[in-house]
Amino acid sequence: MVRSFLTNMDIEFKEVNVDLNPIVMIKLIGKTRRFSVPQTSINGEWIFGFDPVRMFEVLNAKYSS
């Protein structure tokens, strides 16, 4: 859902599949202390799960400053 949301909003993103890269998964868990997916970093702020309202808030803050 995050991928579709970002694609439909024409927002560039880099997708990392942690199922295919366990080293990245371990690093991500170490950084966020969360085991959940998806985890989305926007301008250094982490959003957990699919939360389009929070994504809009963070994106608006990024582009309005």
PDB file of N, CA and C in Angstrom:
ATOM      1  N   MET A   1       0.811  -1.188   0.000  1.00  0.00           N
ATOM      2  CA  MET A   1       0.000   0.000   0.000  1.00  0.00           C
ATOM      3  C   MET A   1       0.859   1.259   0.000  1.00  0.00           C
ATOM      4  N   VAL A   2       1.975   1.226   0.730  1.00  0.00           N
ATOM      5  CA  VAL A   2       2.874   2.389   0.739  1.00  0.00           C
ATOM      6  C   VAL A   2       3.428   2.623  -0.663  1.00  0.00           C
ATOM      7  N   ARG A   3       3.859   1.557  -1.318  1.00  0.00           N
ATOM      8  CA  ARG A   3       4.402   1.677  -2.672  1.00  0.00           C
ATOM      9  C   ARG A   3       3.369   2.293  -3.613  1.00  0.00           C
ATOM     10  N   SER A   4       2.144   1.802  -3.575  1.00  0.00           N
ATOM     11  CA  SER A   4       1.081   2.333  -4.434  1.00  0.00           C
ATOM     12  C   SER A   4       0.788   3.793  -4.114  1.00  0.00           C
ATOM     13  N   PHE A   5       0.735   4.115  -2.837  1.00  0.00           N
ATOM     14  CA  PHE A   5       0.474   5.485  -2.413  1.00  0.00           C
ATOM     15  C   PHE A   5       1.539   6.431  -2.951  1.00  0.00           C
ATOM     16  N   LEU A   6       2.801   6.093  -2.746  1.00  0.00           N
ATOM     17  CA  LEU A   6       3.889   6.968  -3.192  1.00  0.00           C
ATOM     18  C   LEU A   6       3.933   7.066  -4.717  1.00  0.00           C
ATOM     19  N   THR A   7       3.704   5.961  -5.394  1.00  0.00           N
ATOM     20  CA  THR A   7       3.684   5.958  -6.851  1.00  0.00           C
ATOM     21  C   THR A   7       2.541   6.826  -7.377  1.00  0.00           C
ATOM     22  N   ASN A   8       1.347   6.660  -6.806  1.00  0.00           N
ATOM     23  CA  ASN A   8       0.196   7.444  -7.242  1.00  0.00           C
ATOM     24  C   ASN A   8       0.368   8.934  -6.966  1.00  0.00           C
ATOM     25  N   MET A   9       1.127   9.268  -5.926  1.00  0.00           N
ATOM     26  CA  MET A   9       1.381  10.668  -5.597  1.00  0.00           C
ATOM     27  C   MET A   9       2.589  11.213  -6.356  1.00  0.00           C
ATOM     28  N   ASP A  10       3.189  10.376  -7.203  1.00  0.00           N
ATOM     29  CA  ASP A  10       4.371  10.747  -7.990  1.00  0.00           C
ATOM     30  C   ASP A  10       5.537  11.209  -7.105  1.00  0.00           C
ATOM     31  N   ILE A  11       5.746  10.449  -6.016  1.00  0.00           N
ATOM     32  CA  ILE A  11       6.826  10.724  -5.077  1.00  0.00           C
ATOM     33  C   ILE A  11       7.901   9.666  -5.279  1.00  0.00           C
ATOM     34  N   GLU A  12       9.115  10.122  -5.523  1.00  0.00           N
ATOM     35  CA  GLU A  12      10.220   9.181  -5.717  1.00  0.00           C
ATOM     36  C   GLU A  12      10.550   8.500  -4.396  1.00  0.00           C
ATOM     37  N   PHE A  13      10.907   7.229  -4.476  1.00  0.00           N
ATOM     38  CA  PHE A  13      11.270   6.486  -3.281  1.00  0.00           C
ATOM     39  C   PHE A  13      12.219   5.360  -3.648  1.00  0.00           C
ATOM     40  N   LYS A  14      12.904   4.874  -2.633  1.00  0.00           N
ATOM     41  CA  LYS A  14      13.773   3.710  -2.784  1.00  0.00           C
ATOM     42  C   LYS A  14      13.185   2.609  -1.913  1.00  0.00           C
ATOM     43  N   GLU A  15      12.861   1.505  -2.537  1.00  0.00           N
ATOM     44  CA  GLU A  15      12.289   0.370  -1.817  1.00  0.00           C
ATOM     45  C   GLU A  15      13.390  -0.635  -1.490  1.00  0.00           C
ATOM     46  N   VAL A  16      13.405  -1.084  -0.250  1.00  0.00           N
ATOM     47  CA  VAL A  16      14.360  -2.099   0.188  1.00  0.00           C
ATOM     48  C   VAL A  16      13.561  -3.272   0.743  1.00  0.00           C
ATOM     49  N   ASN A  17      13.718  -4.429   0.136  1.00  0.00           N
ATOM     50  CA  ASN A  17      13.012  -5.627   0.578  1.00  0.00           C
ATOM     51  C   ASN A  17      13.863  -6.329   1.624  1.00  0.00           C
ATOM     52  N   VAL A  18      13.462  -6.232   2.891  1.00  0.00           N
ATOM     53  CA  VAL A  18      14.261  -6.825   3.965  1.00  0.00           C
ATOM     54  C   VAL A  18      14.192  -8.350   3.961  1.00  0.00           C
ATOM     55  N   ASP A  19      13.167  -8.919   3.308  1.00  0.00           N
ATOM     56  CA  ASP A  19      13.108 -10.377   3.198  1.00  0.00           C
ATOM     57  C   ASP A  19      14.268 -10.920   2.369  1.00  0.00           C
ATOM     58  N   LEU A  20      14.724 -10.124   1.412  1.00  0.00           N
ATOM     59  CA  LEU A  20      15.806 -10.552   0.527  1.00  0.00           C
ATOM     60  C   LEU A  20      17.186 -10.123   1.014  1.00  0.00           C
ATOM     61  N   ASN A  21      17.228  -9.294   2.046  1.00  0.00           N
ATOM     62  CA  ASN A  21      18.510  -8.776   2.520  1.00  0.00           C
ATOM     63  C   ASN A  21      18.524  -8.744   4.051  1.00  0.00           C
ATOM     64  N   PRO A  22      18.871  -9.851   4.695  1.00  0.00           N
ATOM     65  CA  PRO A  22      18.823  -9.925   6.156  1.00  0.00           C
ATOM     66  C   PRO A  22      19.781  -8.952   6.853  1.00  0.00           C
ATOM     67  N   ILE A  23      20.866  -8.587   6.217  1.00  0.00           N
ATOM     68  CA  ILE A  23      21.795  -7.637   6.842  1.00  0.00           C
ATOM     69  C   ILE A  23      21.127  -6.270   6.958  1.00  0.00           C
ATOM     70  N   VAL A  24      20.438  -5.856   5.906  1.00  0.00           N
ATOM     71  CA  VAL A  24      19.707  -4.588   5.950  1.00  0.00           C
ATOM     72  C   VAL A  24      18.608  -4.660   7.001  1.00  0.00           C
ATOM     73  N   MET A  25      17.943  -5.807   7.116  1.00  0.00           N
ATOM     74  CA  MET A  25      16.896  -5.980   8.117  1.00  0.00           C
ATOM     75  C   MET A  25      17.461  -5.784   9.523  1.00  0.00           C
ATOM     76  N   ILE A  26      18.596  -6.377   9.813  1.00  0.00           N
ATOM     77  CA  ILE A  26      19.216  -6.248  11.137  1.00  0.00           C
ATOM     78  C   ILE A  26      19.594  -4.792  11.414  1.00  0.00           C
ATOM     79  N   LYS A  27      20.140  -4.108  10.413  1.00  0.00           N
ATOM     80  CA  LYS A  27      20.497  -2.694  10.578  1.00  0.00           C
ATOM     81  C   LYS A  27      19.257  -1.838  10.822  1.00  0.00           C
ATOM     82  N   LEU A  28      18.183  -2.117  10.096  1.00  0.00           N
ATOM     83  CA  LEU A  28      16.950  -1.358  10.247  1.00  0.00           C
ATOM     84  C   LEU A  28      16.359  -1.556  11.645  1.00  0.00           C
ATOM     85  N   ILE A  29      16.319  -2.778  12.103  1.00  0.00           N
ATOM     86  CA  ILE A  29      15.808  -3.058  13.440  1.00  0.00           C
ATOM     87  C   ILE A  29      16.666  -2.355  14.487  1.00  0.00           C
ATOM     88  N   GLY A  30      17.974  -2.355  14.282  1.00  0.00           N
ATOM     89  CA  GLY A  30      18.864  -1.657  15.211  1.00  0.00           C
ATOM     90  C   GLY A  30      18.609  -0.162  15.236  1.00  0.00           C
ATOM     91  N   LYS A  31      18.265   0.406  14.106  1.00  0.00           N
ATOM     92  CA  LYS A  31      18.029   1.845  14.010  1.00  0.00           C
ATOM     93  C   LYS A  31      16.669   2.243  14.569  1.00  0.00           C
ATOM     94  N   THR A  32      15.632   1.483  14.243  1.00  0.00           N
ATOM     95  CA  THR A  32      14.272   1.887  14.606  1.00  0.00           C
ATOM     96  C   THR A  32      13.723   1.167  15.834  1.00  0.00           C
ATOM     97  N   ARG A  33      14.352   0.064  16.195  1.00  0.00           N
ATOM     98  CA  ARG A  33      13.881  -0.772  17.306  1.00  0.00           C
ATOM     99  C   ARG A  33      12.478  -1.326  17.051  1.00  0.00           C
ATOM    100  N   ARG A  34      12.150  -1.503  15.774  1.00  0.00           N
ATOM    101  CA  ARG A  34      10.838  -2.035  15.389  1.00  0.00           C
ATOM    102  C   ARG A  34      11.037  -3.223  14.454  1.00  0.00           C
ATOM    103  N   PHE A  35      10.181  -4.224  14.595  1.00  0.00           N
ATOM    104  CA  PHE A  35      10.213  -5.395  13.725  1.00  0.00           C
ATOM    105  C   PHE A  35       9.170  -5.314  12.622  1.00  0.00           C
ATOM    106  N   SER A  36       8.335  -4.282  12.648  1.00  0.00           N
ATOM    107  CA  SER A  36       7.218  -4.182  11.714  1.00  0.00           C
ATOM    108  C   SER A  36       7.671  -3.706  10.332  1.00  0.00           C
ATOM    109  N   VAL A  37       6.879  -4.040   9.346  1.00  0.00           N
ATOM    110  CA  VAL A  37       7.046  -3.503   8.001  1.00  0.00           C
ATOM    111  C   VAL A  37       5.668  -3.086   7.512  1.00  0.00           C
ATOM    112  N   PRO A  38       5.569  -2.087   6.707  1.00  0.00           N
ATOM    113  CA  PRO A  38       6.650  -1.281   6.174  1.00  0.00           C
ATOM    114  C   PRO A  38       7.130  -0.234   7.171  1.00  0.00           C
ATOM    115  N   GLN A  39       8.342   0.208   6.941  1.00  0.00           N
ATOM    116  CA  GLN A  39       8.920   1.320   7.674  1.00  0.00           C
ATOM    117  C   GLN A  39       9.375   2.322   6.621  1.00  0.00           C
ATOM    118  N   THR A  40       8.914   3.543   6.743  1.00  0.00           N
ATOM    119  CA  THR A  40       9.199   4.557   5.751  1.00  0.00           C
ATOM    120  C   THR A  40       9.926   5.717   6.414  1.00  0.00           C
ATOM    121  N   SER A  41      11.071   6.083   5.869  1.00  0.00           N
ATOM    122  CA  SER A  41      11.824   7.231   6.371  1.00  0.00           C
ATOM    123  C   SER A  41      11.622   8.390   5.402  1.00  0.00           C
ATOM    124  N   ILE A  42      11.088   9.487   5.924  1.00  0.00           N
ATOM    125  CA  ILE A  42      10.919  10.701   5.133  1.00  0.00           C
ATOM    126  C   ILE A  42      11.696  11.794   5.839  1.00  0.00           C
ATOM    127  N   ASN A  43      12.759  12.220   5.191  1.00  0.00           N
ATOM    128  CA  ASN A  43      13.589  13.296   5.738  1.00  0.00           C
ATOM    129  C   ASN A  43      14.075  12.968   7.154  1.00  0.00           C
ATOM    130  N   GLY A  44      14.397  11.694   7.385  1.00  0.00           N
ATOM    131  CA  GLY A  44      14.916  11.262   8.675  1.00  0.00           C
ATOM    132  C   GLY A  44      13.869  10.922   9.714  1.00  0.00           C
ATOM    133  N   GLU A  45      12.593  11.127   9.402  1.00  0.00           N
ATOM    134  CA  GLU A  45      11.523  10.786  10.335  1.00  0.00           C
ATOM    135  C   GLU A  45      10.900   9.460   9.908  1.00  0.00           C
ATOM    136  N   TRP A  46      10.783   8.538  10.865  1.00  0.00           N
ATOM    137  CA  TRP A  46      10.279   7.208  10.564  1.00  0.00           C
ATOM    138  C   TRP A  46       8.772   7.137  10.741  1.00  0.00           C
ATOM    139  N   ILE A  47       8.115   6.491   9.789  1.00  0.00           N
ATOM    140  CA  ILE A  47       6.682   6.239   9.839  1.00  0.00           C
ATOM    141  C   ILE A  47       6.511   4.728   9.737  1.00  0.00           C
ATOM    142  N   PHE A  48       5.759   4.174  10.664  1.00  0.00           N
ATOM    143  CA  PHE A  48       5.607   2.723  10.740  1.00  0.00           C
ATOM    144  C   PHE A  48       4.221   2.327  10.268  1.00  0.00           C
ATOM    145  N   GLY A  49       4.172   1.313   9.409  1.00  0.00           N
ATOM    146  CA  GLY A  49       2.904   0.888   8.835  1.00  0.00           C
ATOM    147  C   GLY A  49       2.491   1.837   7.721  1.00  0.00           C
ATOM    148  N   PHE A  50       1.276   1.671   7.253  1.00  0.00           N
ATOM    149  CA  PHE A  50       0.751   2.540   6.203  1.00  0.00           C
ATOM    150  C   PHE A  50      -0.051   3.645   6.874  1.00  0.00           C
ATOM    151  N   ASP A  51       0.510   4.845   6.889  1.00  0.00           N
ATOM    152  CA  ASP A  51      -0.109   5.996   7.549  1.00  0.00           C
ATOM    153  C   ASP A  51      -0.047   7.189   6.604  1.00  0.00           C
ATOM    154  N   PRO A  52      -0.961   7.246   5.619  1.00  0.00           N
ATOM    155  CA  PRO A  52      -0.895   8.318   4.623  1.00  0.00           C
ATOM    156  C   PRO A  52      -1.066   9.710   5.218  1.00  0.00           C
ATOM    157  N   VAL A  53      -1.832   9.836   6.289  1.00  0.00           N
ATOM    158  CA  VAL A  53      -2.012  11.150   6.923  1.00  0.00           C
ATOM    159  C   VAL A  53      -0.676  11.642   7.460  1.00  0.00           C
ATOM    160  N   ARG A  54       0.028  10.778   8.166  1.00  0.00           N
ATOM    161  CA  ARG A  54       1.341  11.165   8.722  1.00  0.00           C
ATOM    162  C   ARG A  54       2.343  11.427   7.600  1.00  0.00           C
ATOM    163  N   MET A  55       2.290  10.637   6.535  1.00  0.00           N
ATOM    164  CA  MET A  55       3.190  10.857   5.404  1.00  0.00           C
ATOM    165  C   MET A  55       2.966  12.246   4.806  1.00  0.00           C
ATOM    166  N   PHE A  56       1.700  12.627   4.625  1.00  0.00           N
ATOM    167  CA  PHE A  56       1.394  13.968   4.116  1.00  0.00           C
ATOM    168  C   PHE A  56       1.927  15.050   5.043  1.00  0.00           C
ATOM    169  N   GLU A  57       1.749  14.851   6.345  1.00  0.00           N
ATOM    170  CA  GLU A  57       2.235  15.844   7.315  1.00  0.00           C
ATOM    171  C   GLU A  57       3.737  16.033   7.192  1.00  0.00           C
ATOM    172  N   VAL A  58       4.483  14.937   7.150  1.00  0.00           N
ATOM    173  CA  VAL A  58       5.940  15.013   7.077  1.00  0.00           C
ATOM    174  C   VAL A  58       6.381  15.585   5.733  1.00  0.00           C
ATOM    175  N   LEU A  59       5.734  15.157   4.647  1.00  0.00           N
ATOM    176  CA  LEU A  59       6.080  15.692   3.331  1.00  0.00           C
ATOM    177  C   LEU A  59       5.778  17.186   3.238  1.00  0.00           C
ATOM    178  N   ASN A  60       4.652  17.616   3.774  1.00  0.00           N
ATOM    179  CA  ASN A  60       4.313  19.037   3.748  1.00  0.00           C
ATOM    180  C   ASN A  60       5.300  19.846   4.555  1.00  0.00           C
ATOM    181  N   ALA A  61       5.735  19.333   5.706  1.00  0.00           N
ATOM    182  CA  ALA A  61       6.720  20.031   6.524  1.00  0.00           C
ATOM    183  C   ALA A  61       8.045  20.128   5.782  1.00  0.00           C
ATOM    184  N   LYS A  62       8.400  19.076   5.054  1.00  0.00           N
ATOM    185  CA  LYS A  62       9.655  19.062   4.302  1.00  0.00           C
ATOM    186  C   LYS A  62       9.652  20.107   3.194  1.00  0.00           C
ATOM    187  N   TYR A  63       8.534  20.218   2.464  1.00  0.00           N
ATOM    188  CA  TYR A  63       8.476  21.104   1.319  1.00  0.00           C
ATOM    189  C   TYR A  63       8.068  22.530   1.675  1.00  0.00           C
ATOM    190  N   SER A  64       7.561  22.749   2.879  1.00  0.00           N
ATOM    191  CA  SER A  64       7.163  24.113   3.242  1.00  0.00           C
ATOM    192  C   SER A  64       8.268  24.861   3.961  1.00  0.00           C
ATOM    193  N   SER A  65       9.355  24.170   4.301  1.00  0.00           N
ATOM    194  CA  SER A  65      10.447  24.865   5.003  1.00  0.00           C
ATOM    195  C   SER A  65      11.522  25.331   4.061  1.00  0.00           C
TER     196      SER A  65
END
